[in-house]
Amino acid sequence: MMLLHTWDVVGNDILPMIHAYHSGAAELILDAVKLLVFLTLPADPRSMNLNEQRHYINRTVQSLTKNSCAVIFSHMAEPLERFESGRLHLRDEDGRTIQLLLTFVRNLLLSYRENFPGNAPSSSQRVQPKGSILNILFDLHLPDLLCQMAKDARKKPFAEDITLLIEIFHLLFQSQVPSSLIHFLDHAGEKPKFDEYRQYGEQAASTLMKNRTARSRHGRFGGKTIYANSFQRSGKDQTTQLRKYYGARIFENSHESSLPSGLNERSQLAELARTLLVDGGFNEVVYVAWDHIRQRDMMVCNDEDQLNVHSFFALSQFFVTFVSLSFDWNLTDISKSDALSNLFDKHLFFWLRKKWEMFDHSKDVRGLLHVSALVKEMLALMEKIASGGSQADKFVCQALTAEGLCAEGDDGYHHFCNSLVKKFDSKSLPMIYLADCIEVLHIANNLIRELDPKLVALDGEMLNERSVSNYISLLAFFECNSSRLKSILIRKIKDITSSEYEGYLHAFGNLQIIHDIVVDGENKYSTETVVDRDDFLKLKDMAASILIGFMQTLYSTKSASATNYKVVFFSFGFKF
């Protein structure tokens, strides 16, 4: 393969041949495109000449994106026309041709990630910006074809390559934040306010990017699966706190250049997302992909199957968040459509719970991050529907709540997430996972309360010493937490301080965090928004009360002074 790159077979032979024989030599062109697919596969990170491979792949992609893509994609037209006119007219090779060209699209999108400037050690290895690749795809109307394939996902040949479609859509939308895309769409009423910087909050599509390892799939064209870590180098400018909160995912989120810089590309991606939802394409993809993944679950799953599940969860989370935002933006064509009906299926809901448990058992960190974020967004959408959706949608949410969230024992999401909060270990999992679990737990509690207040779990069932410490540990990352989670933490700490579990707050590690909030918080949160600052001031008052309560308990007195407060904490090593 390296010899083919070294000889520049693509530039000297393959592309000139494609241009010269683009009509009347279908078999020849098919073989040429097949070779291009292999030559554009991402470099193997385990190889000794990784940088050299990236350099040549870069050169190949640059040559292809100059003036050859239109000619190559034109060979997809005839198979698709035959498919549209009726399946009886399809030829045996049509399915392979369509898959081959879809794989080529996937490789072009992957080429940007694998040769991202953060990975490439020198400017000579830089690939064409992703915005340029997207421009080429949009100019050739590829997204329109992908939308139609999504709508026909249950039919052959598309059903056989559903994971390839999932991966292409995932690559198109990865690193896209729904809140920064949706404002390109028409809307009624005032625009909701959102902070572009706070993309890590409750409506963050950046949770889509949980250190996903990219894969290269050859499909029916042979060859092995190659894995390539999307970002080999850590971001030196990232703080230790952010790395601990978001885990490895922060490195992807920190690179703004991973987003298409042009407004035109973002606008087109926003319209693509809307089309997939309103026309039902995404709903069909969900149905077929879930059916395919369930069948694979019955077999011996390999790493590629796991990555397919990760991609499915990540893409689903993006679209659930997008639909959730459409309620706020009064995008009725999206919010009132049945765009996610297949995702909010009872059986799929239980399957998500099972996959979550499997990820927890196998310590699949990426899987845990994906599934927790997806379930959180699904429950958040259910909460919105319960308060302002149609009667039919409300009924579906109530049914899912009754059968999924309040199931007795460990079968329900509520008890399951409570156990995850209690056993969370920050040494093996990023804090964002704990944040998602807590949000799932409390949103589930709200939905259950709406259904039947008697079914809401008592604090005694939800708290122990470790879970209290985990709640407190998230206070150390107050600026990273979503607005919803901040409110949850403040309410929970307030409830704990007035309950029999107050003593759990006095563990040394908890007191360190609480002390930092009181002493260092004013400067640390001086740039927060007004709402977040108000929340923090409430938290700061509670933190001061907790410290005074600890001192009173320590001295068995009710008249502790500020001087005594400082003396006691100085003796414990705290600084003021």
Protein backbone atom coordinates (compact mmCIF):
# COMPACT_ATOMS: atom_id res chain seq x y z
CA MET A 1 0.00 0.00 0.00
CA MET A 2 2.80 2.40 0.88
CA LEU A 3 4.45 1.74 -2.49
CA LEU A 4 1.25 2.78 -4.26
CA HIS A 5 1.26 6.00 -2.26
CA THR A 6 4.96 6.56 -2.88
CA TRP A 7 4.52 6.17 -6.64
CA ASP A 8 1.52 8.54 -6.50
CA VAL A 9 -0.59 6.02 -8.36
CA VAL A 10 -3.69 8.06 -7.59
CA GLY A 11 -2.46 11.28 -9.15
CA ASN A 12 -0.53 9.74 -12.02
CA ASP A 13 -2.78 6.86 -13.04
CA ILE A 14 -6.12 6.36 -11.28
CA LEU A 15 -7.58 9.87 -11.52
CA PRO A 16 -6.53 10.43 -15.15
CA MET A 17 -8.09 7.06 -16.01
CA ILE A 18 -11.34 7.95 -14.23
CA HIS A 19 -11.56 11.22 -16.12
CA ALA A 20 -10.74 9.56 -19.45
CA TYR A 21 -13.09 6.57 -19.09
CA HIS A 22 -15.82 7.96 -16.87
CA SER A 23 -18.46 6.62 -19.27
CA GLY A 24 -18.64 3.26 -20.98
CA ALA A 25 -16.26 1.44 -18.64
CA ALA A 26 -18.29 0.82 -15.51
CA GLU A 27 -16.30 -2.23 -14.33
CA LEU A 28 -13.01 -0.42 -14.75
CA ILE A 29 -14.24 2.62 -12.85
CA LEU A 30 -15.65 0.40 -10.10
CA ASP A 31 -12.25 -1.26 -9.61
CA ALA A 32 -10.56 2.15 -9.61
CA VAL A 33 -12.92 3.51 -6.95
CA LYS A 34 -12.40 0.37 -4.90
CA LEU A 35 -8.66 1.05 -4.92
CA LEU A 36 -9.31 4.68 -3.92
CA VAL A 37 -11.33 3.46 -0.95
CA PHE A 38 -8.40 1.37 0.27
CA LEU A 39 -5.92 4.19 -0.31
CA THR A 40 -7.99 6.65 1.71
CA LEU A 41 -8.41 4.42 4.77
CA PRO A 42 -6.98 6.06 7.92
CA ALA A 43 -3.42 5.26 8.91
CA ASP A 44 -2.81 2.45 11.36
CA PRO A 45 -1.67 4.15 14.62
CA ARG A 46 0.31 1.03 15.57
CA SER A 47 2.56 1.25 12.53
CA MET A 48 6.14 2.48 12.70
CA ASN A 49 5.66 4.95 9.84
CA LEU A 50 2.45 6.57 11.04
CA ASN A 51 3.41 10.10 10.05
CA GLU A 52 4.51 9.00 6.59
CA GLN A 53 1.20 7.20 6.05
CA ARG A 54 -0.72 10.30 7.06
CA HIS A 55 1.31 12.43 4.68
CA TYR A 56 0.47 10.24 1.69
CA ILE A 57 -3.19 9.84 2.65
CA ASN A 58 -3.33 13.61 2.89
CA ARG A 59 -1.92 13.97 -0.59
CA THR A 60 -4.44 11.47 -1.95
CA VAL A 61 -7.38 13.27 -0.34
CA GLN A 62 -6.14 16.62 -1.61
CA SER A 63 -5.99 15.25 -5.14
CA LEU A 64 -9.45 13.73 -4.90
CA THR A 65 -11.16 16.84 -3.54
CA LYS A 66 -9.80 19.16 -6.23
CA ASN A 67 -11.83 18.07 -9.24
CA SER A 68 -12.54 14.35 -9.12
CA CYS A 69 -15.37 13.87 -6.63
CA ALA A 70 -18.12 14.82 -9.09
CA VAL A 71 -16.93 12.25 -11.62
CA ILE A 72 -16.62 9.53 -8.97
CA PHE A 73 -20.04 10.17 -7.42
CA SER A 74 -21.71 10.28 -10.82
CA HIS A 75 -21.34 6.50 -10.89
CA MET A 76 -23.81 6.26 -8.00
CA ALA A 77 -26.55 7.80 -10.13
CA GLU A 78 -27.46 4.77 -12.26
CA PRO A 79 -27.77 2.26 -9.36
CA LEU A 80 -29.91 4.73 -7.41
CA GLU A 81 -32.10 5.45 -10.43
CA ARG A 82 -32.66 1.72 -10.89
CA PHE A 83 -33.49 1.40 -7.20
CA GLU A 84 -35.99 4.25 -7.41
CA SER A 85 -37.68 2.81 -10.48
CA GLY A 86 -38.18 -0.54 -8.77
CA ARG A 87 -36.13 -3.23 -7.04
CA LEU A 88 -36.74 -5.70 -9.87
CA HIS A 89 -34.48 -3.60 -12.08
CA LEU A 90 -31.54 -3.68 -9.69
CA ARG A 91 -28.39 -5.41 -10.85
CA ASP A 92 -26.33 -7.68 -8.66
CA GLU A 93 -23.47 -5.19 -8.42
CA ASP A 94 -25.65 -2.17 -7.60
CA GLY A 95 -25.61 -2.80 -3.86
CA ARG A 96 -21.83 -3.11 -3.86
CA THR A 97 -21.47 0.04 -5.93
CA ILE A 98 -23.61 2.06 -3.55
CA GLN A 99 -21.77 0.67 -0.52
CA LEU A 100 -18.42 1.34 -2.15
CA LEU A 101 -19.22 4.99 -2.81
CA LEU A 102 -20.71 5.45 0.68
CA THR A 103 -17.50 4.02 2.12
CA PHE A 104 -15.59 6.55 0.03
CA VAL A 105 -17.68 9.38 1.52
CA ARG A 106 -16.98 8.01 5.00
CA ASN A 107 -13.24 7.92 4.28
CA LEU A 108 -13.24 11.54 3.11
CA LEU A 109 -14.89 12.61 6.37
CA LEU A 110 -12.57 10.43 8.43
CA SER A 111 -9.52 11.78 6.63
CA TYR A 112 -10.04 15.14 8.26
CA ARG A 113 -10.16 13.62 11.75
CA GLU A 114 -7.17 11.35 11.29
CA ASN A 115 -5.03 14.14 9.86
CA PHE A 116 -6.35 16.86 12.14
CA PRO A 117 -3.72 19.56 12.86
CA GLY A 118 -3.71 18.44 16.49
CA ASN A 119 -2.48 15.04 15.30
CA ALA A 120 -0.23 16.08 12.46
CA PRO A 121 3.31 16.92 13.63
CA SER A 122 4.00 19.35 10.80
CA SER A 123 2.11 21.73 8.56
CA SER A 124 3.05 19.63 5.55
CA GLN A 125 0.60 16.99 6.74
CA ARG A 126 -2.43 19.23 7.05
CA VAL A 127 -5.50 18.03 5.29
CA GLN A 128 -8.06 20.13 3.51
CA PRO A 129 -10.36 21.80 6.07
CA LYS A 130 -13.50 19.87 6.89
CA GLY A 131 -15.56 22.85 5.78
CA SER A 132 -14.16 22.42 2.26
CA ILE A 133 -15.00 18.72 2.25
CA LEU A 134 -18.52 19.51 3.42
CA ASN A 135 -18.86 22.14 0.71
CA ILE A 136 -17.96 19.56 -1.91
CA LEU A 137 -20.49 17.07 -0.53
CA PHE A 138 -23.25 19.67 -0.33
CA ASP A 139 -22.49 21.01 -3.82
CA LEU A 140 -22.87 17.46 -5.15
CA HIS A 141 -26.19 17.07 -3.26
CA LEU A 142 -24.84 14.06 -1.36
CA PRO A 143 -26.82 14.95 1.81
CA ASP A 144 -30.04 14.79 -0.25
CA LEU A 145 -29.13 11.28 -1.37
CA LEU A 146 -28.26 10.32 2.21
CA CYS A 147 -31.66 11.58 3.41
CA GLN A 148 -33.43 9.47 0.81
CA MET A 149 -31.34 6.43 1.74
CA ALA A 150 -32.28 7.02 5.38
CA LYS A 151 -36.00 7.04 4.47
CA ASP A 152 -35.48 3.77 2.57
CA ALA A 153 -33.33 2.27 5.34
CA ARG A 154 -35.54 -0.81 5.71
CA LYS A 155 -35.02 -1.77 2.07
CA LYS A 156 -32.12 -3.42 0.36
CA PRO A 157 -29.33 -2.55 -0.22
CA PHE A 158 -29.39 0.16 2.46
CA ALA A 159 -30.53 -2.10 5.29
CA GLU A 160 -27.40 -4.20 4.85
CA ASP A 161 -25.16 -1.18 5.41
CA ILE A 162 -27.08 0.64 8.12
CA THR A 163 -23.98 0.93 10.32
CA LEU A 164 -22.21 2.70 7.45
CA LEU A 165 -25.06 5.22 7.21
CA ILE A 166 -24.96 5.73 10.98
CA GLU A 167 -21.24 6.37 10.83
CA ILE A 168 -21.53 8.89 7.98
CA PHE A 169 -24.24 10.85 9.78
CA HIS A 170 -22.19 10.67 12.96
CA LEU A 171 -19.13 12.06 11.17
CA LEU A 172 -21.22 14.85 9.64
CA PHE A 173 -22.67 15.97 12.96
CA GLN A 174 -19.86 15.18 15.36
CA SER A 175 -18.56 18.20 17.26
CA GLN A 176 -21.73 20.06 16.27
CA VAL A 177 -23.60 21.66 19.14
CA PRO A 178 -27.37 21.65 18.55
CA SER A 179 -27.77 25.01 20.27
CA SER A 180 -25.33 26.58 17.80
CA LEU A 181 -26.97 24.91 14.78
CA ILE A 182 -30.62 25.37 15.52
CA HIS A 183 -30.56 29.17 15.39
CA PHE A 184 -29.93 28.88 11.63
CA LEU A 185 -33.46 27.52 11.23
CA ASP A 186 -36.61 29.60 10.94
CA HIS A 187 -38.33 30.11 14.24
CA ALA A 188 -41.29 31.89 15.80
CA GLY A 189 -41.00 34.16 18.80
CA GLU A 190 -37.98 35.32 20.73
CA LYS A 191 -34.75 33.37 20.50
CA PRO A 192 -33.90 31.51 23.71
CA LYS A 193 -30.70 32.68 25.30
CA PHE A 194 -27.77 30.32 25.38
CA ASP A 195 -24.12 30.78 26.05
CA GLU A 196 -22.05 29.54 23.11
CA TYR A 197 -19.13 28.91 25.45
CA ARG A 198 -21.21 26.77 27.77
CA GLN A 199 -21.38 23.95 25.27
CA TYR A 200 -20.62 21.48 28.03
CA GLY A 201 -23.97 22.17 29.74
CA GLU A 202 -27.26 20.37 29.75
CA GLN A 203 -27.93 20.96 26.04
CA ALA A 204 -24.41 20.11 24.98
CA ALA A 205 -24.05 18.10 21.84
CA SER A 206 -20.39 18.05 22.74
CA THR A 207 -21.28 15.07 24.93
CA LEU A 208 -21.50 13.36 21.60
CA MET A 209 -17.72 13.52 21.47
CA LYS A 210 -16.68 11.26 24.31
CA ASN A 211 -13.25 10.30 23.02
CA ARG A 212 -14.76 8.19 20.28
CA THR A 213 -12.21 5.99 18.61
CA ALA A 214 -12.69 6.20 14.85
CA ARG A 215 -12.87 2.99 12.87
CA SER A 216 -12.42 2.10 9.25
CA ARG A 217 -14.83 -0.49 7.91
CA HIS A 218 -14.25 -2.21 4.61
CA GLY A 219 -17.62 -3.94 4.52
CA ARG A 220 -17.98 -6.52 1.78
CA PHE A 221 -14.78 -5.36 0.12
CA GLY A 222 -12.52 -7.35 2.41
CA GLY A 223 -9.69 -6.31 4.66
CA LYS A 224 -9.37 -5.90 8.39
CA THR A 225 -10.76 -3.26 10.69
CA ILE A 226 -8.28 -0.52 11.48
CA TYR A 227 -8.57 1.56 14.61
CA ALA A 228 -7.19 5.04 14.91
CA ASN A 229 -7.52 7.25 17.94
CA SER A 230 -9.07 10.50 16.89
CA PHE A 231 -6.70 12.62 18.93
CA GLN A 232 -3.28 11.22 19.76
CA ARG A 233 -1.98 14.31 21.52
CA SER A 234 -3.33 15.82 24.69
CA GLY A 235 -4.29 19.48 24.69
CA LYS A 236 -1.55 21.17 26.71
CA ASP A 237 -3.70 24.22 27.33
CA GLN A 238 -6.43 22.25 29.12
CA THR A 239 -6.60 22.52 32.86
CA THR A 240 -6.38 19.53 35.15
CA GLN A 241 -9.85 20.31 36.44
CA LEU A 242 -11.46 20.16 33.01
CA ARG A 243 -9.63 16.96 32.14
CA LYS A 244 -10.87 15.36 35.34
CA TYR A 245 -14.44 16.49 34.73
CA TYR A 246 -14.75 15.60 31.07
CA GLY A 247 -12.10 12.91 30.82
CA ALA A 248 -10.38 12.36 27.48
CA ARG A 249 -13.38 13.89 25.72
CA ILE A 250 -12.15 17.39 26.59
CA PHE A 251 -9.34 17.11 24.07
CA GLU A 252 -11.78 16.82 21.20
CA ASN A 253 -14.06 19.54 22.52
CA SER A 254 -11.19 21.96 22.98
CA HIS A 255 -10.27 22.03 19.29
CA GLU A 256 -12.60 24.62 17.79
CA SER A 257 -11.16 23.99 14.35
CA SER A 258 -12.84 20.58 14.39
CA LEU A 259 -16.02 22.53 13.63
CA PRO A 260 -16.69 23.84 10.13
CA SER A 261 -15.78 27.50 10.39
CA GLY A 262 -18.17 28.78 7.70
CA LEU A 263 -21.70 29.82 8.53
CA ASN A 264 -22.85 28.29 5.26
CA GLU A 265 -21.72 24.80 6.27
CA ARG A 266 -23.43 25.09 9.64
CA SER A 267 -26.62 26.35 8.06
CA GLN A 268 -26.65 23.41 5.64
CA LEU A 269 -26.00 20.94 8.45
CA ALA A 270 -28.89 22.46 10.41
CA GLU A 271 -31.22 21.99 7.42
CA LEU A 272 -29.93 18.44 6.99
CA ALA A 273 -30.78 17.68 10.63
CA ARG A 274 -34.24 19.16 10.21
CA THR A 275 -34.88 17.19 7.00
CA LEU A 276 -33.81 13.91 8.61
CA LEU A 277 -36.23 14.54 11.47
CA VAL A 278 -39.26 15.96 9.64
CA ASP A 279 -39.15 13.52 6.71
CA GLY A 280 -38.73 10.54 9.02
CA GLY A 281 -35.31 9.47 7.78
CA PHE A 282 -33.68 9.47 11.20
CA ASN A 283 -36.61 7.54 12.67
CA GLU A 284 -36.16 4.82 10.04
CA VAL A 285 -32.41 4.70 10.66
CA VAL A 286 -33.08 4.23 14.37
CA TYR A 287 -35.41 1.31 13.74
CA VAL A 288 -33.08 -0.53 11.35
CA ALA A 289 -29.91 0.21 13.31
CA TRP A 290 -31.43 -0.98 16.58
CA ASP A 291 -32.68 -4.17 14.92
CA HIS A 292 -29.21 -4.78 13.44
CA ILE A 293 -27.44 -4.15 16.76
CA ARG A 294 -29.83 -6.46 18.63
CA GLN A 295 -29.09 -9.25 16.17
CA ARG A 296 -25.38 -8.70 16.66
CA ASP A 297 -25.92 -8.83 20.43
CA MET A 298 -26.96 -12.46 20.04
CA MET A 299 -23.59 -13.28 18.50
CA VAL A 300 -20.04 -12.95 19.78
CA CYS A 301 -19.55 -9.20 19.56
CA ASN A 302 -16.23 -7.76 18.48
CA ASP A 303 -14.74 -4.31 18.95
CA GLU A 304 -16.36 -3.01 15.77
CA ASP A 305 -19.79 -3.98 17.07
CA GLN A 306 -19.11 -1.99 20.22
CA LEU A 307 -18.05 1.02 18.17
CA ASN A 308 -21.24 0.74 16.11
CA VAL A 309 -23.24 0.91 19.35
CA HIS A 310 -21.24 3.95 20.47
CA SER A 311 -21.92 5.72 17.15
CA PHE A 312 -25.62 4.88 17.39
CA PHE A 313 -25.86 6.30 20.90
CA ALA A 314 -23.88 9.44 20.04
CA LEU A 315 -25.94 10.21 16.93
CA SER A 316 -29.19 9.53 18.79
CA GLN A 317 -28.19 11.88 21.58
CA PHE A 318 -27.48 14.65 19.09
CA PHE A 319 -30.94 14.36 17.53
CA VAL A 320 -32.76 14.02 20.87
CA THR A 321 -31.07 17.24 22.00
CA PHE A 322 -31.95 18.89 18.69
CA VAL A 323 -35.63 17.98 19.07
CA SER A 324 -35.59 19.09 22.71
CA LEU A 325 -34.27 22.49 21.67
CA SER A 326 -36.96 22.74 18.99
CA PHE A 327 -39.53 23.05 21.81
CA ASP A 328 -37.70 26.12 23.10
CA TRP A 329 -37.39 27.62 19.62
CA ASN A 330 -41.02 26.97 18.63
CA LEU A 331 -39.95 24.85 15.66
CA THR A 332 -43.30 23.10 15.46
CA ASP A 333 -42.47 21.09 12.33
CA ILE A 334 -39.85 19.28 14.41
CA SER A 335 -41.29 19.31 17.92
CA LYS A 336 -44.75 18.12 16.82
CA SER A 337 -43.52 15.46 14.44
CA ASP A 338 -43.05 11.78 15.26
CA ALA A 339 -39.34 12.18 14.52
CA LEU A 340 -38.21 10.10 17.51
CA SER A 341 -41.08 7.65 17.96
CA ASN A 342 -38.88 4.62 17.22
CA LEU A 343 -36.32 5.79 19.78
CA PHE A 344 -38.93 6.17 22.51
CA ASP A 345 -40.10 2.61 22.08
CA LYS A 346 -40.67 0.64 25.28
CA HIS A 347 -38.46 -2.25 24.20
CA LEU A 348 -35.65 0.04 23.09
CA PHE A 349 -35.96 1.85 26.41
CA PHE A 350 -35.35 -1.43 28.26
CA TRP A 351 -32.53 -2.32 25.85
CA LEU A 352 -30.76 0.95 26.69
CA ARG A 353 -30.94 0.01 30.35
CA LYS A 354 -29.47 -3.42 29.58
CA LYS A 355 -26.63 -1.96 27.48
CA TRP A 356 -25.86 0.51 30.26
CA GLU A 357 -25.55 -2.36 32.73
CA MET A 358 -23.33 -4.27 30.29
CA PHE A 359 -21.06 -1.25 29.83
CA ASP A 360 -20.86 -0.89 33.59
CA HIS A 361 -19.94 -4.55 34.01
CA SER A 362 -17.30 -4.46 31.26
CA LYS A 363 -15.93 -1.05 32.33
CA ASP A 364 -16.51 0.36 28.84
CA VAL A 365 -15.96 4.03 29.67
CA ARG A 366 -16.91 5.37 26.24
CA GLY A 367 -20.06 3.28 26.26
CA LEU A 368 -20.99 4.53 29.73
CA LEU A 369 -20.50 8.15 28.70
CA HIS A 370 -22.58 7.71 25.56
CA VAL A 371 -25.51 5.84 27.09
CA SER A 372 -25.74 8.05 30.19
CA ALA A 373 -25.80 11.21 28.06
CA LEU A 374 -28.43 9.74 25.72
CA VAL A 375 -30.75 8.61 28.52
CA LYS A 376 -30.35 11.98 30.24
CA GLU A 377 -31.42 13.85 27.10
CA MET A 378 -34.30 11.43 26.51
CA LEU A 379 -35.66 11.95 30.03
CA ALA A 380 -35.18 15.71 29.75
CA LEU A 381 -37.26 15.66 26.55
CA MET A 382 -39.90 13.53 28.28
CA GLU A 383 -40.06 16.13 31.04
CA LYS A 384 -40.70 18.88 28.47
CA ILE A 385 -43.36 16.80 26.74
CA ALA A 386 -45.05 16.05 30.07
CA SER A 387 -45.47 19.77 30.69
CA GLY A 388 -46.27 21.01 27.19
CA GLY A 389 -46.65 18.21 24.66
CA SER A 390 -49.68 16.75 22.96
CA GLN A 391 -51.98 14.42 24.86
CA ALA A 392 -50.79 11.42 22.86
CA ASP A 393 -47.13 12.22 23.56
CA LYS A 394 -47.90 12.72 27.24
CA PHE A 395 -49.51 9.29 27.33
CA VAL A 396 -46.38 7.70 25.81
CA CYS A 397 -44.19 9.44 28.40
CA GLN A 398 -46.41 8.26 31.23
CA ALA A 399 -46.29 4.69 29.92
CA LEU A 400 -42.50 4.77 29.66
CA THR A 401 -42.28 6.25 33.15
CA ALA A 402 -44.55 3.61 34.64
CA GLU A 403 -42.89 0.63 32.96
CA GLY A 404 -39.29 1.79 32.78
CA LEU A 405 -38.49 4.31 35.46
CA CYS A 406 -40.50 2.97 38.39
CA ALA A 407 -39.99 -0.73 37.84
CA GLU A 408 -39.52 -2.45 41.17
CA GLY A 409 -36.13 -3.58 42.40
CA ASP A 410 -33.06 -3.05 40.25
CA ASP A 411 -34.98 -3.25 36.96
CA GLY A 412 -35.93 0.42 36.88
CA TYR A 413 -33.73 3.31 35.82
CA HIS A 414 -34.35 5.04 39.13
CA HIS A 415 -32.88 2.34 41.36
CA PHE A 416 -30.16 1.53 38.84
CA CYS A 417 -28.88 5.12 38.62
CA ASN A 418 -29.07 5.49 42.37
CA SER A 419 -26.73 2.50 42.71
CA LEU A 420 -24.36 4.05 40.13
CA VAL A 421 -24.20 7.31 42.11
CA LYS A 422 -23.45 5.40 45.29
CA LYS A 423 -20.57 3.40 43.80
CA PHE A 424 -19.08 6.04 41.48
CA ASP A 425 -15.27 6.14 41.54
CA SER A 426 -13.58 9.24 40.11
CA LYS A 427 -10.33 7.31 39.65
CA SER A 428 -11.79 5.25 36.83
CA LEU A 429 -14.52 7.49 35.41
CA PRO A 430 -14.73 11.21 34.53
CA MET A 431 -16.94 13.42 36.65
CA ILE A 432 -19.29 14.14 33.73
CA TYR A 433 -20.50 10.54 34.05
CA LEU A 434 -21.46 11.12 37.68
CA ALA A 435 -23.16 14.36 36.63
CA ASP A 436 -25.21 12.53 33.97
CA CYS A 437 -26.18 9.76 36.41
CA ILE A 438 -27.38 12.30 38.97
CA GLU A 439 -29.40 14.18 36.36
CA VAL A 440 -30.99 10.93 35.12
CA LEU A 441 -31.80 9.99 38.70
CA HIS A 442 -33.48 13.29 39.54
CA ILE A 443 -35.30 13.78 36.23
CA ALA A 444 -36.63 10.23 36.63
CA ASN A 445 -37.74 11.18 40.14
CA ASN A 446 -39.61 14.21 38.78
CA LEU A 447 -41.36 12.13 36.12
CA ILE A 448 -42.33 9.50 38.70
CA ARG A 449 -43.65 12.21 41.01
CA GLU A 450 -45.90 13.49 38.23
CA LEU A 451 -47.22 9.98 37.72
CA ASP A 452 -47.69 9.05 41.39
CA PRO A 453 -46.03 10.92 44.29
CA LYS A 454 -46.26 7.78 46.44
CA LEU A 455 -43.72 6.06 44.19
CA VAL A 456 -40.97 8.64 44.79
CA ALA A 457 -38.04 7.17 46.67
CA LEU A 458 -37.18 8.53 50.11
CA ASP A 459 -33.78 10.04 50.90
CA GLY A 460 -33.02 7.04 53.05
CA GLU A 461 -33.12 4.86 49.97
CA MET A 462 -31.06 7.27 47.86
CA LEU A 463 -28.27 8.34 50.19
CA ASN A 464 -25.32 6.84 51.97
CA GLU A 465 -21.97 8.26 53.02
CA ARG A 466 -20.36 7.67 49.64
CA SER A 467 -23.21 9.12 47.59
CA VAL A 468 -23.16 12.28 49.74
CA SER A 469 -19.42 12.60 49.08
CA ASN A 470 -20.06 12.18 45.36
CA TYR A 471 -22.65 14.96 45.39
CA ILE A 472 -20.16 17.21 47.19
CA SER A 473 -17.37 16.29 44.76
CA LEU A 474 -19.36 17.82 41.88
CA LEU A 475 -19.42 21.14 43.74
CA ALA A 476 -15.69 21.40 43.02
CA PHE A 477 -16.65 21.64 39.32
CA PHE A 478 -19.53 24.06 39.76
CA GLU A 479 -18.70 26.10 36.66
CA CYS A 480 -18.66 22.95 34.50
CA ASN A 481 -22.04 21.70 35.65
CA SER A 482 -25.21 22.35 33.69
CA SER A 483 -27.77 24.78 35.06
CA ARG A 484 -30.11 21.89 35.81
CA LEU A 485 -27.42 20.03 37.73
CA LYS A 486 -26.51 23.14 39.73
CA SER A 487 -30.09 23.43 40.90
CA ILE A 488 -30.19 19.72 41.74
CA LEU A 489 -26.99 19.94 43.79
CA ILE A 490 -28.14 23.01 45.71
CA ARG A 491 -31.49 21.38 46.56
CA LYS A 492 -29.82 18.12 47.52
CA ILE A 493 -27.21 19.74 49.78
CA LYS A 494 -29.96 21.81 51.41
CA ASP A 495 -31.98 18.66 52.09
CA ILE A 496 -28.95 16.87 53.50
CA THR A 497 -28.10 19.71 55.91
CA SER A 498 -31.56 19.47 57.46
CA SER A 499 -31.62 15.68 57.69
CA GLU A 500 -30.05 12.90 59.69
CA TYR A 501 -27.37 12.58 57.00
CA GLU A 502 -25.77 15.94 57.81
CA GLY A 503 -22.87 14.20 59.52
CA TYR A 504 -21.80 12.74 56.15
CA LEU A 505 -20.94 16.29 55.05
CA HIS A 506 -18.24 16.51 57.73
CA ALA A 507 -15.86 14.03 56.11
CA PHE A 508 -12.47 15.67 55.61
CA GLY A 509 -12.58 15.57 51.79
CA ASN A 510 -16.05 17.10 51.78
CA LEU A 511 -14.99 19.86 54.15
CA GLN A 512 -12.06 20.74 51.89
CA ILE A 513 -14.39 21.31 48.93
CA ILE A 514 -16.91 23.21 51.04
CA HIS A 515 -14.13 25.36 52.47
CA ASP A 516 -12.85 26.20 48.97
CA ILE A 517 -16.33 27.34 47.96
CA VAL A 518 -16.50 29.75 50.87
CA VAL A 519 -12.96 31.12 50.55
CA ASP A 520 -12.03 30.96 46.85
CA GLY A 521 -15.40 30.97 45.19
CA GLU A 522 -15.87 34.73 44.87
CA ASN A 523 -12.97 35.11 42.45
CA LYS A 524 -13.47 31.74 40.81
CA TYR A 525 -17.05 32.48 39.77
CA SER A 526 -16.77 36.21 39.09
CA THR A 527 -17.37 35.60 35.35
CA GLU A 528 -20.48 33.46 35.80
CA THR A 529 -23.82 34.55 34.35
CA VAL A 530 -26.29 36.27 36.68
CA VAL A 531 -28.37 33.13 37.16
CA ASP A 532 -25.36 30.94 37.81
CA ARG A 533 -23.90 33.55 40.17
CA ASP A 534 -27.13 33.65 42.16
CA ASP A 535 -27.01 29.87 42.42
CA PHE A 536 -23.43 30.05 43.58
CA LEU A 537 -24.22 32.65 46.25
CA LYS A 538 -26.91 30.33 47.61
CA LEU A 539 -24.39 27.50 47.62
CA LYS A 540 -21.80 29.67 49.32
CA ASP A 541 -24.23 30.55 52.13
CA MET A 542 -25.02 26.85 52.64
CA ALA A 543 -21.31 25.99 52.61
CA ALA A 544 -20.61 28.56 55.32
CA SER A 545 -23.46 27.13 57.41
CA ILE A 546 -22.06 23.63 57.02
CA LEU A 547 -18.64 24.74 58.22
CA ILE A 548 -20.10 26.53 61.22
CA GLY A 549 -22.24 23.47 61.96
CA PHE A 550 -19.17 21.27 61.85
CA MET A 551 -17.33 23.56 64.25
CA GLN A 552 -20.28 23.64 66.60
CA THR A 553 -20.41 19.84 66.57
CA LEU A 554 -16.66 19.66 67.12
CA TYR A 555 -16.81 21.93 70.17
CA SER A 556 -20.28 20.86 71.26
CA THR A 557 -21.26 24.51 71.50
CA LYS A 558 -23.84 26.68 69.81
CA SER A 559 -21.86 29.92 70.08
CA ALA A 560 -19.00 29.42 67.63
CA SER A 561 -17.45 32.69 66.50
CA ALA A 562 -15.74 33.60 63.24
CA THR A 563 -12.39 33.66 65.08
CA ASN A 564 -12.87 30.13 66.36
CA TYR A 565 -13.90 29.10 62.83
CA LYS A 566 -10.56 30.27 61.41
CA VAL A 567 -8.52 28.80 64.25
CA VAL A 568 -10.09 25.38 63.90
CA PHE A 569 -9.66 25.20 60.13
CA PHE A 570 -6.12 26.55 60.30
CA SER A 571 -5.30 23.61 62.56
CA PHE A 572 -6.65 21.29 59.86
CA GLY A 573 -4.39 22.85 57.24
CA PHE A 574 -6.95 25.13 55.57
CA LYS A 575 -5.82 28.56 54.43
CA PHE A 576 -7.71 31.86 54.39
